[in-house]
Amino acid sequence: MHELGITCNIVAIVREAANGRKVSRVTLEVGRFSGVMTDALVFCFEVVARHTELDGATLDIREVDGHARCLACGAEFTAATLHVPCACGSRRLLLLRGEELKIKSMELEEVN
């Protein structure tokens, strides 16, 4: 399960950016074609975040649809799968979105 390693990296990056402050929410963008199982990320996050500044934080995962450009006709469209043809029939596509895994934002608790 490579999601454990990914989650360890996410927690490390957020901890460094939080600089000791308590984190209440982490928002991720995960592409539909990234190969990452979001359910596994959620499970791993709870375990990896335990006893850190992220303990109890909400993990908000936003799935990013695939978006492709046809190399034959130039049309851009939402791709439901990696193997969908363009409306013109071509399967020569450039995937523009859908493979990303980004830490989009994090929310920190206010310091009094």
PDB file of N, CA and C in Angstrom:
ATOM      1  N   MET A   1       0.856  -1.173   0.000  1.00  0.00           N
ATOM      2  CA  MET A   1       0.000   0.000   0.000  1.00  0.00           C
ATOM      3  C   MET A   1       0.902   1.236   0.000  1.00  0.00           C
ATOM      4  N   HIS A   2       1.054   1.869  -1.150  1.00  0.00           N
ATOM      5  CA  HIS A   2       1.897   3.056  -1.229  1.00  0.00           C
ATOM      6  C   HIS A   2       1.232   4.285  -0.619  1.00  0.00           C
ATOM      7  N   GLU A   3      -0.053   4.189  -0.290  1.00  0.00           N
ATOM      8  CA  GLU A   3      -0.752   5.302   0.343  1.00  0.00           C
ATOM      9  C   GLU A   3      -0.153   5.641   1.712  1.00  0.00           C
ATOM     10  N   LEU A   4       0.401   4.651   2.403  1.00  0.00           N
ATOM     11  CA  LEU A   4       1.030   4.919   3.695  1.00  0.00           C
ATOM     12  C   LEU A   4       2.230   5.847   3.522  1.00  0.00           C
ATOM     13  N   GLY A   5       3.072   5.560   2.562  1.00  0.00           N
ATOM     14  CA  GLY A   5       4.226   6.421   2.289  1.00  0.00           C
ATOM     15  C   GLY A   5       3.810   7.807   1.851  1.00  0.00           C
ATOM     16  N   ILE A   6       2.783   7.874   1.013  1.00  0.00           N
ATOM     17  CA  ILE A   6       2.268   9.171   0.554  1.00  0.00           C
ATOM     18  C   ILE A   6       1.749   9.977   1.737  1.00  0.00           C
ATOM     19  N   THR A   7       1.002   9.310   2.608  1.00  0.00           N
ATOM     20  CA  THR A   7       0.435   9.987   3.773  1.00  0.00           C
ATOM     21  C   THR A   7       1.529  10.471   4.717  1.00  0.00           C
ATOM     22  N   CYS A   8       2.570   9.676   4.911  1.00  0.00           N
ATOM     23  CA  CYS A   8       3.699  10.104   5.748  1.00  0.00           C
ATOM     24  C   CYS A   8       4.314  11.386   5.184  1.00  0.00           C
ATOM     25  N   ASN A   9       4.458  11.449   3.872  1.00  0.00           N
ATOM     26  CA  ASN A   9       5.009  12.653   3.235  1.00  0.00           C
ATOM     27  C   ASN A   9       4.078  13.845   3.395  1.00  0.00           C
ATOM     28  N   ILE A  10       2.777  13.635   3.228  1.00  0.00           N
ATOM     29  CA  ILE A  10       1.805  14.720   3.389  1.00  0.00           C
ATOM     30  C   ILE A  10       1.879  15.276   4.807  1.00  0.00           C
ATOM     31  N   VAL A  11       1.865  14.395   5.794  1.00  0.00           N
ATOM     32  CA  VAL A  11       1.919  14.834   7.192  1.00  0.00           C
ATOM     33  C   VAL A  11       3.221  15.585   7.469  1.00  0.00           C
ATOM     34  N   ALA A  12       4.336  15.096   6.947  1.00  0.00           N
ATOM     35  CA  ALA A  12       5.626  15.768   7.155  1.00  0.00           C
ATOM     36  C   ALA A  12       5.634  17.170   6.543  1.00  0.00           C
ATOM     37  N   ILE A  13       5.108  17.295   5.340  1.00  0.00           N
ATOM     38  CA  ILE A  13       5.062  18.599   4.661  1.00  0.00           C
ATOM     39  C   ILE A  13       4.183  19.580   5.433  1.00  0.00           C
ATOM     40  N   VAL A  14       3.006  19.123   5.862  1.00  0.00           N
ATOM     41  CA  VAL A  14       2.080  19.999   6.587  1.00  0.00           C
ATOM     42  C   VAL A  14       2.658  20.371   7.947  1.00  0.00           C
ATOM     43  N   ARG A  15       3.278  19.423   8.634  1.00  0.00           N
ATOM     44  CA  ARG A  15       3.895  19.729   9.940  1.00  0.00           C
ATOM     45  C   ARG A  15       4.967  20.802   9.800  1.00  0.00           C
ATOM     46  N   GLU A  16       5.776  20.684   8.765  1.00  0.00           N
ATOM     47  CA  GLU A  16       6.831  21.673   8.550  1.00  0.00           C
ATOM     48  C   GLU A  16       6.229  23.052   8.278  1.00  0.00           C
ATOM     49  N   ALA A  17       5.208  23.096   7.444  1.00  0.00           N
ATOM     50  CA  ALA A  17       4.566  24.374   7.114  1.00  0.00           C
ATOM     51  C   ALA A  17       3.822  24.961   8.318  1.00  0.00           C
ATOM     52  N   ALA A  18       3.259  24.104   9.162  1.00  0.00           N
ATOM     53  CA  ALA A  18       2.508  24.570  10.329  1.00  0.00           C
ATOM     54  C   ALA A  18       3.421  25.143  11.402  1.00  0.00           C
ATOM     55  N   ASN A  19       4.671  24.744  11.388  1.00  0.00           N
ATOM     56  CA  ASN A  19       5.675  25.294  12.303  1.00  0.00           C
ATOM     57  C   ASN A  19       5.233  25.221  13.769  1.00  0.00           C
ATOM     58  N   GLY A  20       4.731  24.036  14.170  1.00  0.00           N
ATOM     59  CA  GLY A  20       4.349  23.817  15.561  1.00  0.00           C
ATOM     60  C   GLY A  20       2.926  24.177  15.909  1.00  0.00           C
ATOM     61  N   ARG A  21       2.209  24.821  15.009  1.00  0.00           N
ATOM     62  CA  ARG A  21       0.811  25.186  15.281  1.00  0.00           C
ATOM     63  C   ARG A  21      -0.101  23.997  15.027  1.00  0.00           C
ATOM     64  N   LYS A  22      -1.224  23.956  15.726  1.00  0.00           N
ATOM     65  CA  LYS A  22      -2.204  22.885  15.590  1.00  0.00           C
ATOM     66  C   LYS A  22      -2.928  23.023  14.261  1.00  0.00           C
ATOM     67  N   VAL A  23      -3.038  21.923  13.525  1.00  0.00           N
ATOM     68  CA  VAL A  23      -3.706  21.896  12.222  1.00  0.00           C
ATOM     69  C   VAL A  23      -5.106  21.328  12.409  1.00  0.00           C
ATOM     70  N   SER A  24      -6.122  22.026  11.873  1.00  0.00           N
ATOM     71  CA  SER A  24      -7.496  21.552  12.018  1.00  0.00           C
ATOM     72  C   SER A  24      -8.048  20.916  10.738  1.00  0.00           C
ATOM     73  N   ARG A  25      -7.484  21.266   9.586  1.00  0.00           N
ATOM     74  CA  ARG A  25      -7.972  20.701   8.319  1.00  0.00           C
ATOM     75  C   ARG A  25      -6.855  20.719   7.285  1.00  0.00           C
ATOM     76  N   VAL A  26      -6.822  19.640   6.500  1.00  0.00           N
ATOM     77  CA  VAL A  26      -5.913  19.550   5.355  1.00  0.00           C
ATOM     78  C   VAL A  26      -6.773  19.210   4.144  1.00  0.00           C
ATOM     79  N   THR A  27      -6.631  19.988   3.092  1.00  0.00           N
ATOM     80  CA  THR A  27      -7.380  19.744   1.865  1.00  0.00           C
ATOM     81  C   THR A  27      -6.426  19.266   0.781  1.00  0.00           C
ATOM     82  N   LEU A  28      -6.765  18.123   0.194  1.00  0.00           N
ATOM     83  CA  LEU A  28      -5.974  17.544  -0.884  1.00  0.00           C
ATOM     84  C   LEU A  28      -6.772  17.545  -2.177  1.00  0.00           C
ATOM     85  N   GLU A  29      -6.071  17.651  -3.293  1.00  0.00           N
ATOM     86  CA  GLU A  29      -6.660  17.400  -4.610  1.00  0.00           C
ATOM     87  C   GLU A  29      -6.016  16.128  -5.132  1.00  0.00           C
ATOM     88  N   VAL A  30      -6.854  15.136  -5.415  1.00  0.00           N
ATOM     89  CA  VAL A  30      -6.364  13.835  -5.874  1.00  0.00           C
ATOM     90  C   VAL A  30      -6.994  13.544  -7.233  1.00  0.00           C
ATOM     91  N   GLY A  31      -6.156  13.392  -8.240  1.00  0.00           N
ATOM     92  CA  GLY A  31      -6.639  13.108  -9.583  1.00  0.00           C
ATOM     93  C   GLY A  31      -7.227  11.711  -9.690  1.00  0.00           C
ATOM     94  N   ARG A  32      -8.283  11.601 -10.466  1.00  0.00           N
ATOM     95  CA  ARG A  32      -8.966  10.325 -10.670  1.00  0.00           C
ATOM     96  C   ARG A  32      -8.017   9.250 -11.197  1.00  0.00           C
ATOM     97  N   PHE A  33      -6.994   9.659 -11.945  1.00  0.00           N
ATOM     98  CA  PHE A  33      -6.064   8.705 -12.549  1.00  0.00           C
ATOM     99  C   PHE A  33      -4.709   8.669 -11.840  1.00  0.00           C
ATOM    100  N   SER A  34      -4.657   9.170 -10.610  1.00  0.00           N
ATOM    101  CA  SER A  34      -3.391   9.227  -9.866  1.00  0.00           C
ATOM    102  C   SER A  34      -2.944   7.858  -9.361  1.00  0.00           C
ATOM    103  N   GLY A  35      -3.871   6.920  -9.283  1.00  0.00           N
ATOM    104  CA  GLY A  35      -3.543   5.604  -8.742  1.00  0.00           C
ATOM    105  C   GLY A  35      -3.583   5.556  -7.232  1.00  0.00           C
ATOM    106  N   VAL A  36      -4.071   6.626  -6.598  1.00  0.00           N
ATOM    107  CA  VAL A  36      -4.143   6.695  -5.150  1.00  0.00           C
ATOM    108  C   VAL A  36      -5.560   6.350  -4.697  1.00  0.00           C
ATOM    109  N   MET A  37      -5.646   5.428  -3.734  1.00  0.00           N
ATOM    110  CA  MET A  37      -6.951   5.052  -3.171  1.00  0.00           C
ATOM    111  C   MET A  37      -7.269   6.015  -2.032  1.00  0.00           C
ATOM    112  N   THR A  38      -8.302   6.838  -2.218  1.00  0.00           N
ATOM    113  CA  THR A  38      -8.613   7.868  -1.238  1.00  0.00           C
ATOM    114  C   THR A  38      -9.043   7.280   0.103  1.00  0.00           C
ATOM    115  N   ASP A  39      -9.741   6.158   0.102  1.00  0.00           N
ATOM    116  CA  ASP A  39     -10.141   5.524   1.361  1.00  0.00           C
ATOM    117  C   ASP A  39      -8.916   5.120   2.173  1.00  0.00           C
ATOM    118  N   ALA A  40      -7.892   4.630   1.488  1.00  0.00           N
ATOM    119  CA  ALA A  40      -6.660   4.242   2.161  1.00  0.00           C
ATOM    120  C   ALA A  40      -5.934   5.474   2.700  1.00  0.00           C
ATOM    121  N   LEU A  41      -5.974   6.587   1.962  1.00  0.00           N
ATOM    122  CA  LEU A  41      -5.374   7.829   2.449  1.00  0.00           C
ATOM    123  C   LEU A  41      -6.025   8.273   3.752  1.00  0.00           C
ATOM    124  N   VAL A  42      -7.345   8.215   3.800  1.00  0.00           N
ATOM    125  CA  VAL A  42      -8.078   8.630   5.003  1.00  0.00           C
ATOM    126  C   VAL A  42      -7.675   7.750   6.186  1.00  0.00           C
ATOM    127  N   PHE A  43      -7.643   6.444   5.968  1.00  0.00           N
ATOM    128  CA  PHE A  43      -7.262   5.519   7.034  1.00  0.00           C
ATOM    129  C   PHE A  43      -5.840   5.803   7.514  1.00  0.00           C
ATOM    130  N   CYS A  44      -4.924   5.918   6.584  1.00  0.00           N
ATOM    131  CA  CYS A  44      -3.520   6.158   6.931  1.00  0.00           C
ATOM    132  C   CYS A  44      -3.333   7.510   7.618  1.00  0.00           C
ATOM    133  N   PHE A  45      -4.083   8.512   7.181  1.00  0.00           N
ATOM    134  CA  PHE A  45      -3.954   9.848   7.758  1.00  0.00           C
ATOM    135  C   PHE A  45      -4.250   9.828   9.255  1.00  0.00           C
ATOM    136  N   GLU A  46      -5.299   9.144   9.638  1.00  0.00           N
ATOM    137  CA  GLU A  46      -5.664   9.076  11.059  1.00  0.00           C
ATOM    138  C   GLU A  46      -4.546   8.441  11.878  1.00  0.00           C
ATOM    139  N   VAL A  47      -3.917   7.422  11.328  1.00  0.00           N
ATOM    140  CA  VAL A  47      -2.846   6.717  12.039  1.00  0.00           C
ATOM    141  C   VAL A  47      -1.568   7.559  12.077  1.00  0.00           C
ATOM    142  N   VAL A  48      -1.167   8.082  10.928  1.00  0.00           N
ATOM    143  CA  VAL A  48       0.089   8.825  10.829  1.00  0.00           C
ATOM    144  C   VAL A  48       0.023  10.159  11.577  1.00  0.00           C
ATOM    145  N   ALA A  49      -1.134  10.790  11.589  1.00  0.00           N
ATOM    146  CA  ALA A  49      -1.280  12.102  12.229  1.00  0.00           C
ATOM    147  C   ALA A  49      -1.339  12.010  13.757  1.00  0.00           C
ATOM    148  N   ARG A  50      -1.596  10.817  14.275  1.00  0.00           N
ATOM    149  CA  ARG A  50      -1.736  10.643  15.720  1.00  0.00           C
ATOM    150  C   ARG A  50      -0.481  11.144  16.443  1.00  0.00           C
ATOM    151  N   HIS A  51      -0.701  11.898  17.523  1.00  0.00           N
ATOM    152  CA  HIS A  51       0.358  12.453  18.377  1.00  0.00           C
ATOM    153  C   HIS A  51       1.226  13.493  17.654  1.00  0.00           C
ATOM    154  N   THR A  52       0.658  14.141  16.639  1.00  0.00           N
ATOM    155  CA  THR A  52       1.340  15.240  15.954  1.00  0.00           C
ATOM    156  C   THR A  52       0.418  16.458  15.986  1.00  0.00           C
ATOM    157  N   GLU A  53       0.860  17.546  15.390  1.00  0.00           N
ATOM    158  CA  GLU A  53       0.030  18.756  15.286  1.00  0.00           C
ATOM    159  C   GLU A  53      -1.219  18.518  14.439  1.00  0.00           C
ATOM    160  N   LEU A  54      -1.270  17.420  13.712  1.00  0.00           N
ATOM    161  CA  LEU A  54      -2.411  17.109  12.858  1.00  0.00           C
ATOM    162  C   LEU A  54      -3.406  16.159  13.514  1.00  0.00           C
ATOM    163  N   ASP A  55      -3.132  15.732  14.730  1.00  0.00           N
ATOM    164  CA  ASP A  55      -4.008  14.794  15.431  1.00  0.00           C
ATOM    165  C   ASP A  55      -5.406  15.388  15.539  1.00  0.00           C
ATOM    166  N   GLY A  56      -6.402  14.687  15.023  1.00  0.00           N
ATOM    167  CA  GLY A  56      -7.786  15.158  15.045  1.00  0.00           C
ATOM    168  C   GLY A  56      -8.163  16.055  13.880  1.00  0.00           C
ATOM    169  N   ALA A  57      -7.220  16.364  13.010  1.00  0.00           N
ATOM    170  CA  ALA A  57      -7.515  17.225  11.855  1.00  0.00           C
ATOM    171  C   ALA A  57      -8.428  16.499  10.869  1.00  0.00           C
ATOM    172  N   THR A  58      -9.226  17.265  10.179  1.00  0.00           N
ATOM    173  CA  THR A  58     -10.087  16.732   9.126  1.00  0.00           C
ATOM    174  C   THR A  58      -9.291  16.660   7.830  1.00  0.00           C
ATOM    175  N   LEU A  59      -9.400  15.538   7.135  1.00  0.00           N
ATOM    176  CA  LEU A  59      -8.773  15.395   5.824  1.00  0.00           C
ATOM    177  C   LEU A  59      -9.865  15.547   4.783  1.00  0.00           C
ATOM    178  N   ASP A  60      -9.794  16.606   4.006  1.00  0.00           N
ATOM    179  CA  ASP A  60     -10.782  16.914   2.970  1.00  0.00           C
ATOM    180  C   ASP A  60     -10.156  16.554   1.624  1.00  0.00           C
ATOM    181  N   ILE A  61     -10.695  15.531   0.971  1.00  0.00           N
ATOM    182  CA  ILE A  61     -10.148  15.083  -0.311  1.00  0.00           C
ATOM    183  C   ILE A  61     -11.097  15.481  -1.425  1.00  0.00           C
ATOM    184  N   ARG A  62     -10.573  16.220  -2.391  1.00  0.00           N
ATOM    185  CA  ARG A  62     -11.360  16.634  -3.562  1.00  0.00           C
ATOM    186  C   ARG A  62     -10.830  15.891  -4.775  1.00  0.00           C
ATOM    187  N   GLU A  63     -11.699  15.093  -5.373  1.00  0.00           N
ATOM    188  CA  GLU A  63     -11.281  14.322  -6.548  1.00  0.00           C
ATOM    189  C   GLU A  63     -11.297  15.211  -7.784  1.00  0.00           C
ATOM    190  N   VAL A  64     -10.223  15.131  -8.562  1.00  0.00           N
ATOM    191  CA  VAL A  64     -10.092  15.924  -9.785  1.00  0.00           C
ATOM    192  C   VAL A  64     -10.366  15.005 -10.974  1.00  0.00           C
ATOM    193  N   ASP A  65     -11.348  15.386 -11.783  1.00  0.00           N
ATOM    194  CA  ASP A  65     -11.674  14.607 -12.984  1.00  0.00           C
ATOM    195  C   ASP A  65     -10.539  14.665 -13.990  1.00  0.00           C
ATOM    196  N   GLY A  66     -10.503  13.673 -14.835  1.00  0.00           N
ATOM    197  CA  GLY A  66      -9.540  13.680 -15.931  1.00  0.00           C
ATOM    198  C   GLY A  66      -9.970  14.671 -17.001  1.00  0.00           C
ATOM    199  N   HIS A  67      -9.015  15.328 -17.603  1.00  0.00           N
ATOM    200  CA  HIS A  67      -9.284  16.279 -18.678  1.00  0.00           C
ATOM    201  C   HIS A  67      -8.190  16.074 -19.723  1.00  0.00           C
ATOM    202  N   ALA A  68      -8.589  15.917 -20.977  1.00  0.00           N
ATOM    203  CA  ALA A  68      -7.619  15.590 -22.026  1.00  0.00           C
ATOM    204  C   ALA A  68      -7.763  16.507 -23.234  1.00  0.00           C
ATOM    205  N   ARG A  69      -6.678  16.555 -24.024  1.00  0.00           N
ATOM    206  CA  ARG A  69      -6.682  17.263 -25.303  1.00  0.00           C
ATOM    207  C   ARG A  69      -6.378  16.242 -26.386  1.00  0.00           C
ATOM    208  N   CYS A  70      -7.181  16.256 -27.437  1.00  0.00           N
ATOM    209  CA  CYS A  70      -6.971  15.369 -28.577  1.00  0.00           C
ATOM    210  C   CYS A  70      -5.805  15.902 -29.405  1.00  0.00           C
ATOM    211  N   LEU A  71      -4.842  15.045 -29.673  1.00  0.00           N
ATOM    212  CA  LEU A  71      -3.689  15.461 -30.470  1.00  0.00           C
ATOM    213  C   LEU A  71      -4.000  15.494 -31.961  1.00  0.00           C
ATOM    214  N   ALA A  72      -5.147  14.923 -32.346  1.00  0.00           N
ATOM    215  CA  ALA A  72      -5.538  14.935 -33.758  1.00  0.00           C
ATOM    216  C   ALA A  72      -6.314  16.196 -34.126  1.00  0.00           C
ATOM    217  N   CYS A  73      -7.318  16.539 -33.309  1.00  0.00           N
ATOM    218  CA  CYS A  73      -8.176  17.680 -33.664  1.00  0.00           C
ATOM    219  C   CYS A  73      -8.060  18.857 -32.709  1.00  0.00           C
ATOM    220  N   GLY A  74      -7.406  18.675 -31.550  1.00  0.00           N
ATOM    221  CA  GLY A  74      -7.221  19.762 -30.596  1.00  0.00           C
ATOM    222  C   GLY A  74      -8.348  19.956 -29.604  1.00  0.00           C
ATOM    223  N   ALA A  75      -9.397  19.153 -29.709  1.00  0.00           N
ATOM    224  CA  ALA A  75     -10.528  19.299 -28.789  1.00  0.00           C
ATOM    225  C   ALA A  75     -10.099  18.944 -27.368  1.00  0.00           C
ATOM    226  N   GLU A  76     -10.647  19.655 -26.385  1.00  0.00           N
ATOM    227  CA  GLU A  76     -10.422  19.342 -24.981  1.00  0.00           C
ATOM    228  C   GLU A  76     -11.724  18.848 -24.390  1.00  0.00           C
ATOM    229  N   PHE A  77     -11.631  17.830 -23.528  1.00  0.00           N
ATOM    230  CA  PHE A  77     -12.837  17.235 -22.967  1.00  0.00           C
ATOM    231  C   PHE A  77     -12.531  16.520 -21.657  1.00  0.00           C
ATOM    232  N   THR A  78     -13.597  16.290 -20.876  1.00  0.00           N
ATOM    233  CA  THR A  78     -13.485  15.512 -19.647  1.00  0.00           C
ATOM    234  C   THR A  78     -13.360  14.048 -20.021  1.00  0.00           C
ATOM    235  N   ALA A  79     -12.366  13.396 -19.435  1.00  0.00           N
ATOM    236  CA  ALA A  79     -12.100  11.987 -19.738  1.00  0.00           C
ATOM    237  C   ALA A  79     -12.517  11.136 -18.544  1.00  0.00           C
ATOM    238  N   ALA A  80     -13.527  10.314 -18.741  1.00  0.00           N
ATOM    239  CA  ALA A  80     -14.017   9.457 -17.663  1.00  0.00           C
ATOM    240  C   ALA A  80     -13.063   8.298 -17.378  1.00  0.00           C
ATOM    241  N   THR A  81     -12.326   7.873 -18.387  1.00  0.00           N
ATOM    242  CA  THR A  81     -11.329   6.808 -18.231  1.00  0.00           C
ATOM    243  C   THR A  81     -10.079   7.210 -19.006  1.00  0.00           C
ATOM    244  N   LEU A  82      -9.028   6.451 -18.808  1.00  0.00           N
ATOM    245  CA  LEU A  82      -7.788   6.728 -19.545  1.00  0.00           C
ATOM    246  C   LEU A  82      -7.876   6.289 -21.004  1.00  0.00           C
ATOM    247  N   HIS A  83      -8.867   5.500 -21.337  1.00  0.00           N
ATOM    248  CA  HIS A  83      -8.945   4.907 -22.670  1.00  0.00           C
ATOM    249  C   HIS A  83     -10.128   5.410 -23.494  1.00  0.00           C
ATOM    250  N   VAL A  84     -10.669   6.552 -23.135  1.00  0.00           N
ATOM    251  CA  VAL A  84     -11.807   7.105 -23.866  1.00  0.00           C
ATOM    252  C   VAL A  84     -11.300   7.786 -25.142  1.00  0.00           C
ATOM    253  N   PRO A  85     -11.956   7.552 -26.267  1.00  0.00           N
ATOM    254  CA  PRO A  85     -11.547   8.259 -27.490  1.00  0.00           C
ATOM    255  C   PRO A  85     -12.174   9.654 -27.548  1.00  0.00           C
ATOM    256  N   CYS A  86     -11.574  10.509 -28.331  1.00  0.00           N
ATOM    257  CA  CYS A  86     -12.134  11.825 -28.614  1.00  0.00           C
ATOM    258  C   CYS A  86     -13.394  11.643 -29.469  1.00  0.00           C
ATOM    259  N   ALA A  87     -14.216  12.665 -29.520  1.00  0.00           N
ATOM    260  CA  ALA A  87     -15.418  12.625 -30.366  1.00  0.00           C
ATOM    261  C   ALA A  87     -15.054  12.412 -31.834  1.00  0.00           C
ATOM    262  N   CYS A  88     -13.833  12.814 -32.244  1.00  0.00           N
ATOM    263  CA  CYS A  88     -13.406  12.630 -33.634  1.00  0.00           C
ATOM    264  C   CYS A  88     -12.948  11.187 -33.895  1.00  0.00           C
ATOM    265  N   GLY A  89     -12.854  10.378 -32.823  1.00  0.00           N
ATOM    266  CA  GLY A  89     -12.456   8.982 -32.967  1.00  0.00           C
ATOM    267  C   GLY A  89     -11.005   8.699 -32.620  1.00  0.00           C
ATOM    268  N   SER A  90     -10.199   9.724 -32.514  1.00  0.00           N
ATOM    269  CA  SER A  90      -8.783   9.536 -32.214  1.00  0.00           C
ATOM    270  C   SER A  90      -8.583   9.125 -30.758  1.00  0.00           C
ATOM    271  N   ARG A  91      -7.594   8.299 -30.542  1.00  0.00           N
ATOM    272  CA  ARG A  91      -7.205   7.902 -29.183  1.00  0.00           C
ATOM    273  C   ARG A  91      -5.845   8.494 -28.818  1.00  0.00           C
ATOM    274  N   ARG A  92      -5.334   9.383 -29.667  1.00  0.00           N
ATOM    275  CA  ARG A  92      -4.068  10.064 -29.371  1.00  0.00           C
ATOM    276  C   ARG A  92      -4.393  11.284 -28.507  1.00  0.00           C
ATOM    277  N   LEU A  93      -4.248  11.119 -27.208  1.00  0.00           N
ATOM    278  CA  LEU A  93      -4.662  12.152 -26.265  1.00  0.00           C
ATOM    279  C   LEU A  93      -3.511  12.576 -25.369  1.00  0.00           C
ATOM    280  N   LEU A  94      -3.566  13.813 -24.949  1.00  0.00           N
ATOM    281  CA  LEU A  94      -2.653  14.346 -23.951  1.00  0.00           C
ATOM    282  C   LEU A  94      -3.485  14.586 -22.701  1.00  0.00           C
ATOM    283  N   LEU A  95      -3.151  13.908 -21.613  1.00  0.00           N
ATOM    284  CA  LEU A  95      -3.881  14.082 -20.368  1.00  0.00           C
ATOM    285  C   LEU A  95      -3.424  15.382 -19.710  1.00  0.00           C
ATOM    286  N   LEU A  96      -4.365  16.306 -19.515  1.00  0.00           N
ATOM    287  CA  LEU A  96      -4.057  17.618 -18.951  1.00  0.00           C
ATOM    288  C   LEU A  96      -4.252  17.663 -17.439  1.00  0.00           C
ATOM    289  N   ARG A  97      -5.246  16.943 -16.946  1.00  0.00           N
ATOM    290  CA  ARG A  97      -5.547  16.877 -15.508  1.00  0.00           C
ATOM    291  C   ARG A  97      -6.032  15.475 -15.181  1.00  0.00           C
ATOM    292  N   GLY A  98      -5.849  15.118 -13.924  1.00  0.00           N
ATOM    293  CA  GLY A  98      -6.371  13.842 -13.456  1.00  0.00           C
ATOM    294  C   GLY A  98      -5.327  12.950 -12.817  1.00  0.00           C
ATOM    295  N   GLU A  99      -4.052  13.324 -12.909  1.00  0.00           N
ATOM    296  CA  GLU A  99      -2.994  12.507 -12.311  1.00  0.00           C
ATOM    297  C   GLU A  99      -2.372  13.173 -11.075  1.00  0.00           C
ATOM    298  N   GLU A 100      -2.859  14.350 -10.709  1.00  0.00           N
ATOM    299  CA  GLU A 100      -2.221  15.116  -9.654  1.00  0.00           C
ATOM    300  C   GLU A 100      -2.557  14.608  -8.254  1.00  0.00           C
ATOM    301  N   LEU A 101      -1.688  14.951  -7.338  1.00  0.00           N
ATOM    302  CA  LEU A 101      -1.892  14.753  -5.909  1.00  0.00           C
ATOM    303  C   LEU A 101      -1.266  15.977  -5.251  1.00  0.00           C
ATOM    304  N   LYS A 102      -2.111  16.901  -4.784  1.00  0.00           N
ATOM    305  CA  LYS A 102      -1.636  18.188  -4.269  1.00  0.00           C
ATOM    306  C   LYS A 102      -2.193  18.451  -2.879  1.00  0.00           C
ATOM    307  N   ILE A 103      -1.361  19.044  -2.055  1.00  0.00           N
ATOM    308  CA  ILE A 103      -1.862  19.623  -0.812  1.00  0.00           C
ATOM    309  C   ILE A 103      -2.368  21.008  -1.208  1.00  0.00           C
ATOM    310  N   LYS A 104      -3.664  21.157  -1.244  1.00  0.00           N
ATOM    311  CA  LYS A 104      -4.268  22.403  -1.710  1.00  0.00           C
ATOM    312  C   LYS A 104      -4.243  23.484  -0.630  1.00  0.00           C
ATOM    313  N   SER A 105      -4.572  23.087   0.610  1.00  0.00           N
ATOM    314  CA  SER A 105      -4.579  24.060   1.694  1.00  0.00           C
ATOM    315  C   SER A 105      -4.552  23.348   3.041  1.00  0.00           C
ATOM    316  N   MET A 106      -4.290  24.142   4.064  1.00  0.00           N
ATOM    317  CA  MET A 106      -4.390  23.639   5.435  1.00  0.00           C
ATOM    318  C   MET A 106      -4.927  24.768   6.294  1.00  0.00           C
ATOM    319  N   GLU A 107      -5.683  24.397   7.312  1.00  0.00           N
ATOM    320  CA  GLU A 107      -6.233  25.373   8.240  1.00  0.00           C
ATOM    321  C   GLU A 107      -5.554  25.174   9.583  1.00  0.00           C
ATOM    322  N   LEU A 108      -5.098  26.281  10.151  1.00  0.00           N
ATOM    323  CA  LEU A 108      -4.426  26.239  11.437  1.00  0.00           C
ATOM    324  C   LEU A 108      -5.314  26.869  12.486  1.00  0.00           C
ATOM    325  N   GLU A 109      -5.210  26.357  13.709  1.00  0.00           N
ATOM    326  CA  GLU A 109      -5.956  26.962  14.808  1.00  0.00           C
ATOM    327  C   GLU A 109      -5.268  28.258  15.200  1.00  0.00           C
ATOM    328  N   GLU A 110      -6.059  29.228  15.620  1.00  0.00           N
ATOM    329  CA  GLU A 110      -5.510  30.537  16.000  1.00  0.00           C
ATOM    330  C   GLU A 110      -4.722  30.423  17.287  1.00  0.00           C
ATOM    331  N   VAL A 111      -3.651  31.203  17.368  1.00  0.00           N
ATOM    332  CA  VAL A 111      -2.831  31.259  18.565  1.00  0.00           C
ATOM    333  C   VAL A 111      -3.253  32.486  19.360  1.00  0.00           C
ATOM    334  N   ASN A 112      -3.522  32.293  20.643  1.00  0.00           N
ATOM    335  CA  ASN A 112      -3.943  33.425  21.498  1.00  0.00           C
ATOM    336  C   ASN A 112      -2.768  34.141  22.073  1.00  0.00           C
TER     337      ASN A 112
END
